[in-house]
Amino acid sequence: MAPLYFEGQNSQLFQIASHLHQTLRLSLLFKEVHDRIGAEIRMRPGRPIPFRELGHLAPDTLMAELRARTYALAGGGHAV
């Protein structure tokens, strides 16, 4: 598994909907994708993460670690 960071952000409407209801969020996801058709989206791949670094983590801790490693790529560096 390797983290992937995608530059950009979703619309404010999508952000609000994400906090209100899962179905509304998923419905607006199609609009977000449609609005970006033809646009350039920059992506930064991180280094693969060996299972031994993550396999022992509890689900909440695992998600926090993966999020941190992914956002670490925003600055152009590789995940720690």
PDB file of N, CA and C in Angstrom:
ATOM      1  N   MET A   1       0.837  -1.154   0.000  1.00  0.00           N
ATOM      2  CA  MET A   1       0.000   0.000   0.000  1.00  0.00           C
ATOM      3  C   MET A   1       0.895   1.234   0.000  1.00  0.00           C
ATOM      4  N   ALA A   2       0.521   2.228  -0.798  1.00  0.00           N
ATOM      5  CA  ALA A   2       1.264   3.476  -0.850  1.00  0.00           C
ATOM      6  C   ALA A   2       0.276   4.636  -0.795  1.00  0.00           C
ATOM      7  N   PRO A   3       0.580   5.670  -0.043  1.00  0.00           N
ATOM      8  CA  PRO A   3      -0.322   6.819   0.003  1.00  0.00           C
ATOM      9  C   PRO A   3      -0.257   7.611  -1.301  1.00  0.00           C
ATOM     10  N   LEU A   4      -1.382   8.202  -1.680  1.00  0.00           N
ATOM     11  CA  LEU A   4      -1.469   9.067  -2.848  1.00  0.00           C
ATOM     12  C   LEU A   4      -2.097  10.379  -2.416  1.00  0.00           C
ATOM     13  N   TYR A   5      -1.453  11.492  -2.714  1.00  0.00           N
ATOM     14  CA  TYR A   5      -1.983  12.800  -2.381  1.00  0.00           C
ATOM     15  C   TYR A   5      -2.456  13.463  -3.669  1.00  0.00           C
ATOM     16  N   PHE A   6      -3.696  13.929  -3.680  1.00  0.00           N
ATOM     17  CA  PHE A   6      -4.255  14.649  -4.818  1.00  0.00           C
ATOM     18  C   PHE A   6      -4.416  16.106  -4.422  1.00  0.00           C
ATOM     19  N   GLU A   7      -3.834  17.014  -5.213  1.00  0.00           N
ATOM     20  CA  GLU A   7      -3.970  18.443  -4.928  1.00  0.00           C
ATOM     21  C   GLU A   7      -5.394  18.893  -5.201  1.00  0.00           C
ATOM     22  N   GLY A   8      -5.797  19.941  -4.513  1.00  0.00           N
ATOM     23  CA  GLY A   8      -7.106  20.532  -4.743  1.00  0.00           C
ATOM     24  C   GLY A   8      -8.029  20.326  -3.560  1.00  0.00           C
ATOM     25  N   GLN A   9      -9.257  20.761  -3.764  1.00  0.00           N
ATOM     26  CA  GLN A   9     -10.255  20.593  -2.713  1.00  0.00           C
ATOM     27  C   GLN A   9     -11.630  20.501  -3.339  1.00  0.00           C
ATOM     28  N   ASN A  10     -12.546  19.945  -2.595  1.00  0.00           N
ATOM     29  CA  ASN A  10     -13.923  19.847  -3.056  1.00  0.00           C
ATOM     30  C   ASN A  10     -14.629  21.168  -2.793  1.00  0.00           C
ATOM     31  N   SER A  11     -15.788  21.343  -3.425  1.00  0.00           N
ATOM     32  CA  SER A  11     -16.550  22.582  -3.267  1.00  0.00           C
ATOM     33  C   SER A  11     -17.063  22.736  -1.842  1.00  0.00           C
ATOM     34  N   GLN A  12     -17.426  23.964  -1.490  1.00  0.00           N
ATOM     35  CA  GLN A  12     -17.970  24.223  -0.164  1.00  0.00           C
ATOM     36  C   GLN A  12     -19.288  23.468   0.026  1.00  0.00           C
ATOM     37  N   LEU A  13     -20.104  23.381  -1.033  1.00  0.00           N
ATOM     38  CA  LEU A  13     -21.352  22.631  -0.949  1.00  0.00           C
ATOM     39  C   LEU A  13     -21.084  21.171  -0.576  1.00  0.00           C
ATOM     40  N   PHE A  14     -20.088  20.573  -1.211  1.00  0.00           N
ATOM     41  CA  PHE A  14     -19.730  19.185  -0.912  1.00  0.00           C
ATOM     42  C   PHE A  14     -19.257  19.050   0.536  1.00  0.00           C
ATOM     43  N   GLN A  15     -18.455  19.999   0.980  1.00  0.00           N
ATOM     44  CA  GLN A  15     -17.941  19.959   2.352  1.00  0.00           C
ATOM     45  C   GLN A  15     -19.082  19.989   3.364  1.00  0.00           C
ATOM     46  N   ILE A  16     -20.053  20.866   3.135  1.00  0.00           N
ATOM     47  CA  ILE A  16     -21.199  20.961   4.040  1.00  0.00           C
ATOM     48  C   ILE A  16     -22.028  19.682   3.993  1.00  0.00           C
ATOM     49  N   ALA A  17     -22.305  19.197   2.774  1.00  0.00           N
ATOM     50  CA  ALA A  17     -23.107  17.986   2.605  1.00  0.00           C
ATOM     51  C   ALA A  17     -22.452  16.793   3.289  1.00  0.00           C
ATOM     52  N   SER A  18     -21.132  16.765   3.294  1.00  0.00           N
ATOM     53  CA  SER A  18     -20.404  15.659   3.918  1.00  0.00           C
ATOM     54  C   SER A  18     -20.704  15.552   5.405  1.00  0.00           C
ATOM     55  N   HIS A  19     -21.026  16.687   6.019  1.00  0.00           N
ATOM     56  CA  HIS A  19     -21.326  16.689   7.451  1.00  0.00           C
ATOM     57  C   HIS A  19     -22.800  16.414   7.735  1.00  0.00           C
ATOM     58  N   LEU A  20     -23.638  16.497   6.701  1.00  0.00           N
ATOM     59  CA  LEU A  20     -25.071  16.343   6.916  1.00  0.00           C
ATOM     60  C   LEU A  20     -25.579  14.920   6.709  1.00  0.00           C
ATOM     61  N   HIS A  21     -25.199  14.330   5.560  1.00  0.00           N
ATOM     62  CA  HIS A  21     -25.776  13.024   5.248  1.00  0.00           C
ATOM     63  C   HIS A  21     -24.908  12.287   4.229  1.00  0.00           C
ATOM     64  N   GLN A  22     -24.676  11.014   4.465  1.00  0.00           N
ATOM     65  CA  GLN A  22     -23.818  10.197   3.595  1.00  0.00           C
ATOM     66  C   GLN A  22     -24.372  10.094   2.173  1.00  0.00           C
ATOM     67  N   THR A  23     -25.678   9.924   2.021  1.00  0.00           N
ATOM     68  CA  THR A  23     -26.265   9.794   0.688  1.00  0.00           C
ATOM     69  C   THR A  23     -26.114  11.088  -0.099  1.00  0.00           C
ATOM     70  N   LEU A  24     -26.334  12.220   0.557  1.00  0.00           N
ATOM     71  CA  LEU A  24     -26.154  13.515  -0.097  1.00  0.00           C
ATOM     72  C   LEU A  24     -24.700  13.699  -0.505  1.00  0.00           C
ATOM     73  N   ARG A  25     -23.793  13.309   0.363  1.00  0.00           N
ATOM     74  CA  ARG A  25     -22.360  13.394   0.061  1.00  0.00           C
ATOM     75  C   ARG A  25     -22.011  12.571  -1.182  1.00  0.00           C
ATOM     76  N   LEU A  26     -22.490  11.335  -1.229  1.00  0.00           N
ATOM     77  CA  LEU A  26     -22.192  10.477  -2.372  1.00  0.00           C
ATOM     78  C   LEU A  26     -22.814  11.018  -3.659  1.00  0.00           C
ATOM     79  N   SER A  27     -24.008  11.585  -3.558  1.00  0.00           N
ATOM     80  CA  SER A  27     -24.660  12.159  -4.733  1.00  0.00           C
ATOM     81  C   SER A  27     -23.850  13.326  -5.287  1.00  0.00           C
ATOM     82  N   LEU A  28     -23.359  14.177  -4.407  1.00  0.00           N
ATOM     83  CA  LEU A  28     -22.576  15.327  -4.850  1.00  0.00           C
ATOM     84  C   LEU A  28     -21.190  14.935  -5.342  1.00  0.00           C
ATOM     85  N   LEU A  29     -20.727  13.757  -4.976  1.00  0.00           N
ATOM     86  CA  LEU A  29     -19.428  13.301  -5.443  1.00  0.00           C
ATOM     87  C   LEU A  29     -19.403  13.228  -6.972  1.00  0.00           C
ATOM     88  N   PHE A  30     -20.509  12.791  -7.566  1.00  0.00           N
ATOM     89  CA  PHE A  30     -20.588  12.732  -9.028  1.00  0.00           C
ATOM     90  C   PHE A  30     -20.469  14.130  -9.636  1.00  0.00           C
ATOM     91  N   LYS A  31     -21.082  15.125  -9.000  1.00  0.00           N
ATOM     92  CA  LYS A  31     -20.976  16.502  -9.477  1.00  0.00           C
ATOM     93  C   LYS A  31     -19.533  16.994  -9.373  1.00  0.00           C
ATOM     94  N   GLU A  32     -18.873  16.677  -8.281  1.00  0.00           N
ATOM     95  CA  GLU A  32     -17.483  17.095  -8.102  1.00  0.00           C
ATOM     96  C   GLU A  32     -16.600  16.511  -9.209  1.00  0.00           C
ATOM     97  N   VAL A  33     -16.801  15.255  -9.531  1.00  0.00           N
ATOM     98  CA  VAL A  33     -16.027  14.612 -10.587  1.00  0.00           C
ATOM     99  C   VAL A  33     -16.366  15.249 -11.935  1.00  0.00           C
ATOM    100  N   HIS A  34     -17.640  15.442 -12.206  1.00  0.00           N
ATOM    101  CA  HIS A  34     -18.071  16.041 -13.477  1.00  0.00           C
ATOM    102  C   HIS A  34     -17.458  17.423 -13.669  1.00  0.00           C
ATOM    103  N   ASP A  35     -17.438  18.212 -12.606  1.00  0.00           N
ATOM    104  CA  ASP A  35     -16.895  19.573 -12.686  1.00  0.00           C
ATOM    105  C   ASP A  35     -15.400  19.599 -12.993  1.00  0.00           C
ATOM    106  N   ARG A  36     -14.712  18.499 -12.770  1.00  0.00           N
ATOM    107  CA  ARG A  36     -13.259  18.464 -12.993  1.00  0.00           C
ATOM    108  C   ARG A  36     -12.847  17.713 -14.255  1.00  0.00           C
ATOM    109  N   ILE A  37     -13.825  17.252 -15.012  1.00  0.00           N
ATOM    110  CA  ILE A  37     -13.500  16.568 -16.262  1.00  0.00           C
ATOM    111  C   ILE A  37     -12.734  17.527 -17.161  1.00  0.00           C
ATOM    112  N   GLY A  38     -11.587  17.096 -17.629  1.00  0.00           N
ATOM    113  CA  GLY A  38     -10.745  17.914 -18.494  1.00  0.00           C
ATOM    114  C   GLY A  38      -9.756  18.791 -17.744  1.00  0.00           C
ATOM    115  N   ALA A  39      -9.889  18.870 -16.432  1.00  0.00           N
ATOM    116  CA  ALA A  39      -8.970  19.690 -15.639  1.00  0.00           C
ATOM    117  C   ALA A  39      -7.734  18.879 -15.269  1.00  0.00           C
ATOM    118  N   GLU A  40      -6.639  19.570 -15.068  1.00  0.00           N
ATOM    119  CA  GLU A  40      -5.413  18.912 -14.625  1.00  0.00           C
ATOM    120  C   GLU A  40      -5.486  18.708 -13.119  1.00  0.00           C
ATOM    121  N   ILE A  41      -5.204  17.501 -12.678  1.00  0.00           N
ATOM    122  CA  ILE A  41      -5.174  17.192 -11.255  1.00  0.00           C
ATOM    123  C   ILE A  41      -3.799  16.617 -10.942  1.00  0.00           C
ATOM    124  N   ARG A  42      -3.094  17.298 -10.084  1.00  0.00           N
ATOM    125  CA  ARG A  42      -1.753  16.838  -9.721  1.00  0.00           C
ATOM    126  C   ARG A  42      -1.833  15.827  -8.582  1.00  0.00           C
ATOM    127  N   MET A  43      -0.998  14.821  -8.698  1.00  0.00           N
ATOM    128  CA  MET A  43      -0.975  13.740  -7.726  1.00  0.00           C
ATOM    129  C   MET A  43       0.470  13.489  -7.309  1.00  0.00           C
ATOM    130  N   ARG A  44       0.656  13.195  -6.036  1.00  0.00           N
ATOM    131  CA  ARG A  44       1.983  12.838  -5.543  1.00  0.00           C
ATOM    132  C   ARG A  44       1.906  11.470  -4.876  1.00  0.00           C
ATOM    133  N   PRO A  45       2.601  10.496  -5.431  1.00  0.00           N
ATOM    134  CA  PRO A  45       2.632   9.176  -4.779  1.00  0.00           C
ATOM    135  C   PRO A  45       3.693   9.148  -3.679  1.00  0.00           C
ATOM    136  N   GLY A  46       3.392   8.438  -2.628  1.00  0.00           N
ATOM    137  CA  GLY A  46       4.359   8.228  -1.548  1.00  0.00           C
ATOM    138  C   GLY A  46       5.025   6.879  -1.713  1.00  0.00           C
ATOM    139  N   ARG A  47       5.950   6.602  -0.842  1.00  0.00           N
ATOM    140  CA  ARG A  47       6.626   5.303  -0.900  1.00  0.00           C
ATOM    141  C   ARG A  47       5.684   4.229  -0.354  1.00  0.00           C
ATOM    142  N   PRO A  48       5.800   3.012  -0.840  1.00  0.00           N
ATOM    143  CA  PRO A  48       4.975   1.921  -0.285  1.00  0.00           C
ATOM    144  C   PRO A  48       5.228   1.770   1.215  1.00  0.00           C
ATOM    145  N   ILE A  49       4.178   1.455   1.941  1.00  0.00           N
ATOM    146  CA  ILE A  49       4.269   1.285   3.393  1.00  0.00           C
ATOM    147  C   ILE A  49       4.220  -0.207   3.705  1.00  0.00           C
ATOM    148  N   PRO A  50       5.282  -0.752   4.266  1.00  0.00           N
ATOM    149  CA  PRO A  50       5.273  -2.180   4.616  1.00  0.00           C
ATOM    150  C   PRO A  50       4.216  -2.481   5.682  1.00  0.00           C
ATOM    151  N   PHE A  51       3.607  -3.632   5.582  1.00  0.00           N
ATOM    152  CA  PHE A  51       2.582  -4.044   6.532  1.00  0.00           C
ATOM    153  C   PHE A  51       3.097  -4.012   7.967  1.00  0.00           C
ATOM    154  N   ARG A  52       4.348  -4.342   8.156  1.00  0.00           N
ATOM    155  CA  ARG A  52       4.900  -4.396   9.519  1.00  0.00           C
ATOM    156  C   ARG A  52       4.850  -3.034  10.209  1.00  0.00           C
ATOM    157  N   GLU A  53       4.777  -1.944   9.432  1.00  0.00           N
ATOM    158  CA  GLU A  53       4.692  -0.612  10.028  1.00  0.00           C
ATOM    159  C   GLU A  53       3.272  -0.259  10.461  1.00  0.00           C
ATOM    160  N   LEU A  54       2.276  -0.950   9.916  1.00  0.00           N
ATOM    161  CA  LEU A  54       0.890  -0.582  10.173  1.00  0.00           C
ATOM    162  C   LEU A  54       0.037  -1.692  10.763  1.00  0.00           C
ATOM    163  N   GLY A  55       0.446  -2.939  10.576  1.00  0.00           N
ATOM    164  CA  GLY A  55      -0.385  -4.080  10.937  1.00  0.00           C
ATOM    165  C   GLY A  55      -0.788  -4.154  12.394  1.00  0.00           C
ATOM    166  N   HIS A  56      -0.026  -3.570  13.271  1.00  0.00           N
ATOM    167  CA  HIS A  56      -0.308  -3.637  14.707  1.00  0.00           C
ATOM    168  C   HIS A  56      -1.229  -2.522  15.198  1.00  0.00           C
ATOM    169  N   LEU A  57      -1.549  -1.562  14.331  1.00  0.00           N
ATOM    170  CA  LEU A  57      -2.322  -0.391  14.757  1.00  0.00           C
ATOM    171  C   LEU A  57      -3.813  -0.681  14.831  1.00  0.00           C
ATOM    172  N   ALA A  58      -4.472  -0.088  15.819  1.00  0.00           N
ATOM    173  CA  ALA A  58      -5.929  -0.174  15.937  1.00  0.00           C
ATOM    174  C   ALA A  58      -6.549   0.653  14.800  1.00  0.00           C
ATOM    175  N   PRO A  59      -7.779   0.367  14.409  1.00  0.00           N
ATOM    176  CA  PRO A  59      -8.390   1.057  13.268  1.00  0.00           C
ATOM    177  C   PRO A  59      -8.330   2.588  13.329  1.00  0.00           C
ATOM    178  N   ASP A  60      -8.664   3.187  14.463  1.00  0.00           N
ATOM    179  CA  ASP A  60      -8.627   4.658  14.549  1.00  0.00           C
ATOM    180  C   ASP A  60      -7.208   5.192  14.405  1.00  0.00           C
ATOM    181  N   THR A  61      -6.274   4.517  15.031  1.00  0.00           N
ATOM    182  CA  THR A  61      -4.874   4.922  14.945  1.00  0.00           C
ATOM    183  C   THR A  61      -4.347   4.721  13.531  1.00  0.00           C
ATOM    184  N   LEU A  62      -4.748   3.631  12.905  1.00  0.00           N
ATOM    185  CA  LEU A  62      -4.339   3.351  11.527  1.00  0.00           C
ATOM    186  C   LEU A  62      -4.813   4.463  10.599  1.00  0.00           C
ATOM    187  N   MET A  63      -6.081   4.858  10.726  1.00  0.00           N
ATOM    188  CA  MET A  63      -6.616   5.913   9.860  1.00  0.00           C
ATOM    189  C   MET A  63      -5.874   7.229  10.084  1.00  0.00           C
ATOM    190  N   ALA A  64      -5.583   7.554  11.322  1.00  0.00           N
ATOM    191  CA  ALA A  64      -4.855   8.786  11.620  1.00  0.00           C
ATOM    192  C   ALA A  64      -3.451   8.742  11.023  1.00  0.00           C
ATOM    193  N   GLU A  65      -2.802   7.600  11.113  1.00  0.00           N
ATOM    194  CA  GLU A  65      -1.443   7.445  10.562  1.00  0.00           C
ATOM    195  C   GLU A  65      -1.457   7.565   9.036  1.00  0.00           C
ATOM    196  N   LEU A  66      -2.420   6.909   8.389  1.00  0.00           N
ATOM    197  CA  LEU A  66      -2.506   6.991   6.926  1.00  0.00           C
ATOM    198  C   LEU A  66      -2.814   8.413   6.471  1.00  0.00           C
ATOM    199  N   ARG A  67      -3.705   9.090   7.192  1.00  0.00           N
ATOM    200  CA  ARG A  67      -4.027  10.482   6.859  1.00  0.00           C
ATOM    201  C   ARG A  67      -2.777  11.357   7.003  1.00  0.00           C
ATOM    202  N   ALA A  68      -2.043  11.193   8.084  1.00  0.00           N
ATOM    203  CA  ALA A  68      -0.836  11.990   8.312  1.00  0.00           C
ATOM    204  C   ALA A  68       0.197  11.746   7.219  1.00  0.00           C
ATOM    205  N   ARG A  69       0.383  10.509   6.838  1.00  0.00           N
ATOM    206  CA  ARG A  69       1.371  10.189   5.794  1.00  0.00           C
ATOM    207  C   ARG A  69       0.934  10.746   4.442  1.00  0.00           C
ATOM    208  N   THR A  70      -0.366  10.733   4.193  1.00  0.00           N
ATOM    209  CA  THR A  70      -0.870  11.264   2.923  1.00  0.00           C
ATOM    210  C   THR A  70      -0.705  12.778   2.875  1.00  0.00           C
ATOM    211  N   TYR A  71      -1.119  13.472   3.928  1.00  0.00           N
ATOM    212  CA  TYR A  71      -0.993  14.935   3.941  1.00  0.00           C
ATOM    213  C   TYR A  71       0.457  15.388   3.987  1.00  0.00           C
ATOM    214  N   ALA A  72       1.352  14.555   4.468  1.00  0.00           N
ATOM    215  CA  ALA A  72       2.771  14.886   4.456  1.00  0.00           C
ATOM    216  C   ALA A  72       3.279  15.046   3.014  1.00  0.00           C
ATOM    217  N   LEU A  73       2.598  14.412   2.092  1.00  0.00           N
ATOM    218  CA  LEU A  73       2.996  14.504   0.682  1.00  0.00           C
ATOM    219  C   LEU A  73       2.615  15.846   0.065  1.00  0.00           C
ATOM    220  N   ALA A  74       1.754  16.609   0.705  1.00  0.00           N
ATOM    221  CA  ALA A  74       1.298  17.894   0.161  1.00  0.00           C
ATOM    222  C   ALA A  74       2.467  18.842  -0.064  1.00  0.00           C
ATOM    223  N   GLY A  75       3.487  18.754   0.785  1.00  0.00           N
ATOM    224  CA  GLY A  75       4.638  19.635   0.650  1.00  0.00           C
ATOM    225  C   GLY A  75       5.621  19.161  -0.400  1.00  0.00           C
ATOM    226  N   GLY A  76       5.319  18.062  -1.058  1.00  0.00           N
ATOM    227  CA  GLY A  76       6.194  17.553  -2.094  1.00  0.00           C
ATOM    228  C   GLY A  76       7.158  16.481  -1.621  1.00  0.00           C
ATOM    229  N   GLY A  77       7.243  16.278  -0.307  1.00  0.00           N
ATOM    230  CA  GLY A  77       8.137  15.249   0.218  1.00  0.00           C
ATOM    231  C   GLY A  77       7.450  13.908   0.254  1.00  0.00           C
ATOM    232  N   HIS A  78       8.190  12.910   0.612  1.00  0.00           N
ATOM    233  CA  HIS A  78       7.624  11.573   0.747  1.00  0.00           C
ATOM    234  C   HIS A  78       7.131  11.357   2.173  1.00  0.00           C
ATOM    235  N   ALA A  79       6.192  10.448   2.308  1.00  0.00           N
ATOM    236  CA  ALA A  79       5.667  10.139   3.638  1.00  0.00           C
ATOM    237  C   ALA A  79       6.777   9.606   4.514  1.00  0.00           C
ATOM    238  N   VAL A  80       6.678   9.926   5.775  1.00  0.00           N
ATOM    239  CA  VAL A  80       7.691   9.499   6.752  1.00  0.00           C
ATOM    240  C   VAL A  80       7.402   8.105   7.227  1.00  0.00           C
TER     241      VAL A  80
END
